[in-house]
């Protein structure tokens, strides 16, 4: 019983790590996808 506690904590830690990594990758991908549109709008507003 005592040996299963660190295993479950490690699993939860790995799940949280993957959740954070995937969230950051998704956020970065969204920013990179929106960047050209943002630059186009900024250029259009400047002229």
N, C-alpha and C. Protein backbone atom coordinates (compact mmCIF):
# COMPACT_ATOMS: atom_id res chain seq x y z
N UNK A 1 0.83 -1.20 0.00
CA UNK A 1 0.00 0.00 0.00
C UNK A 1 0.87 1.25 0.00
N UNK A 2 1.96 1.21 0.74
CA UNK A 2 2.82 2.39 0.82
C UNK A 2 3.54 2.65 -0.50
N UNK A 3 3.85 1.57 -1.24
CA UNK A 3 4.57 1.75 -2.50
C UNK A 3 3.67 2.30 -3.60
N UNK A 4 2.35 2.16 -3.48
CA UNK A 4 1.45 2.65 -4.53
C UNK A 4 1.24 4.16 -4.42
N UNK A 5 1.48 4.74 -3.24
CA UNK A 5 1.28 6.19 -3.07
C UNK A 5 2.26 7.02 -3.89
N UNK A 6 3.56 6.74 -3.87
CA UNK A 6 4.47 7.50 -4.73
C UNK A 6 4.18 7.28 -6.21
N UNK A 7 3.75 6.07 -6.59
CA UNK A 7 3.42 5.80 -7.99
C UNK A 7 2.25 6.65 -8.44
N UNK A 8 1.22 6.75 -7.61
CA UNK A 8 0.06 7.55 -7.99
C UNK A 8 0.41 9.03 -8.03
N UNK A 9 1.26 9.47 -7.13
CA UNK A 9 1.69 10.87 -7.15
C UNK A 9 2.53 11.15 -8.40
N UNK A 10 3.36 10.20 -8.78
CA UNK A 10 4.17 10.36 -9.98
C UNK A 10 3.28 10.41 -11.22
N UNK A 11 2.25 9.58 -11.24
CA UNK A 11 1.32 9.57 -12.37
C UNK A 11 0.59 10.91 -12.45
N UNK A 12 0.14 11.42 -11.32
CA UNK A 12 -0.54 12.71 -11.31
C UNK A 12 0.42 13.81 -11.74
N UNK A 13 1.65 13.74 -11.28
CA UNK A 13 2.65 14.73 -11.67
C UNK A 13 2.93 14.68 -13.17
N UNK A 14 3.04 13.47 -13.73
CA UNK A 14 3.27 13.34 -15.17
C UNK A 14 2.07 13.86 -15.95
N UNK A 15 0.86 13.56 -15.47
CA UNK A 15 -0.33 14.05 -16.16
C UNK A 15 -0.38 15.57 -16.14
N UNK A 16 -0.05 16.16 -15.00
CA UNK A 16 -0.05 17.63 -14.92
C UNK A 16 1.03 18.21 -15.82
N UNK A 17 2.20 17.57 -15.87
CA UNK A 17 3.29 18.04 -16.72
C UNK A 17 2.86 18.01 -18.18
N UNK A 18 2.26 16.90 -18.62
CA UNK A 18 1.81 16.80 -20.01
C UNK A 18 0.71 17.80 -20.29
N UNK A 19 -0.20 18.01 -19.32
CA UNK A 19 -1.26 19.00 -19.51
C UNK A 19 -0.67 20.38 -19.71
N UNK A 20 0.30 20.76 -18.89
CA UNK A 20 0.93 22.08 -19.01
C UNK A 20 1.69 22.19 -20.32
N UNK A 21 2.44 21.16 -20.69
CA UNK A 21 3.20 21.19 -21.95
C UNK A 21 2.26 21.34 -23.14
N UNK A 22 1.21 20.53 -23.18
CA UNK A 22 0.28 20.61 -24.31
C UNK A 22 -0.46 21.93 -24.33
N UNK A 23 -0.78 22.48 -23.16
CA UNK A 23 -1.45 23.78 -23.10
C UNK A 23 -0.53 24.87 -23.65
N UNK A 24 0.74 24.82 -23.25
CA UNK A 24 1.70 25.82 -23.75
C UNK A 24 1.91 25.69 -25.26
N UNK A 25 1.99 24.45 -25.76
CA UNK A 25 2.14 24.24 -27.20
C UNK A 25 0.92 24.76 -27.94
N UNK A 26 -0.26 24.50 -27.42
CA UNK A 26 -1.48 25.01 -28.04
C UNK A 26 -1.54 26.52 -28.01
N UNK A 27 -1.15 27.11 -26.90
CA UNK A 27 -1.14 28.57 -26.78
C UNK A 27 -0.16 29.18 -27.76
N UNK A 28 1.05 28.61 -27.85
CA UNK A 28 2.06 29.12 -28.78
C UNK A 28 1.60 28.95 -30.22
N UNK A 29 0.98 27.83 -30.53
CA UNK A 29 0.46 27.62 -31.88
C UNK A 29 -0.62 28.62 -32.23
N UNK A 30 -1.49 28.92 -31.28
CA UNK A 30 -2.53 29.91 -31.52
C UNK A 30 -1.93 31.29 -31.75
N UNK A 31 -0.94 31.64 -30.95
CA UNK A 31 -0.29 32.95 -31.12
C UNK A 31 0.38 33.04 -32.49
N UNK A 32 1.08 31.98 -32.91
CA UNK A 32 1.75 31.99 -34.21
C UNK A 32 0.73 32.04 -35.35
N UNK A 33 -0.42 31.41 -35.16
CA UNK A 33 -1.45 31.44 -36.19
C UNK A 33 -2.10 32.82 -36.28
N UNK A 34 -2.25 33.50 -35.15
CA UNK A 34 -2.91 34.80 -35.12
C UNK A 34 -1.95 35.94 -35.45
N UNK A 35 -0.65 35.70 -35.36
CA UNK A 35 0.32 36.77 -35.57
C UNK A 35 0.23 37.42 -36.94
N UNK A 36 0.16 36.67 -38.04
CA UNK A 36 0.06 37.34 -39.35
C UNK A 36 -1.18 38.23 -39.47
N UNK A 37 -2.31 37.77 -38.93
CA UNK A 37 -3.53 38.57 -38.98
C UNK A 37 -3.38 39.84 -38.15
N UNK A 38 -2.74 39.71 -37.01
CA UNK A 38 -2.49 40.88 -36.17
C UNK A 38 -1.60 41.88 -36.90
N UNK A 39 -0.57 41.39 -37.56
CA UNK A 39 0.33 42.28 -38.30
C UNK A 39 -0.39 42.93 -39.47
N UNK A 40 -1.25 42.18 -40.15
CA UNK A 40 -2.02 42.75 -41.26
C UNK A 40 -2.95 43.85 -40.77
N UNK A 41 -3.62 43.61 -39.68
CA UNK A 41 -4.53 44.64 -39.13
C UNK A 41 -3.73 45.85 -38.68
N UNK A 42 -2.59 45.64 -38.03
CA UNK A 42 -1.75 46.75 -37.59
C UNK A 42 -1.25 47.56 -38.78
N UNK A 43 -0.85 46.88 -39.85
CA UNK A 43 -0.37 47.57 -41.05
C UNK A 43 -1.52 48.35 -41.71
N UNK A 44 -2.69 47.76 -41.74
CA UNK A 44 -3.84 48.43 -42.35
C UNK A 44 -4.24 49.67 -41.54
N UNK A 45 -4.14 49.58 -40.23
CA UNK A 45 -4.50 50.72 -39.38
C UNK A 45 -3.45 51.82 -39.48
N UNK A 46 -2.23 51.45 -39.76
CA UNK A 46 -1.14 52.43 -39.81
C UNK A 46 -1.22 53.27 -41.08
N UNK A 47 -1.70 52.68 -42.16
CA UNK A 47 -1.76 53.41 -43.43
C UNK A 47 -3.00 54.20 -43.56
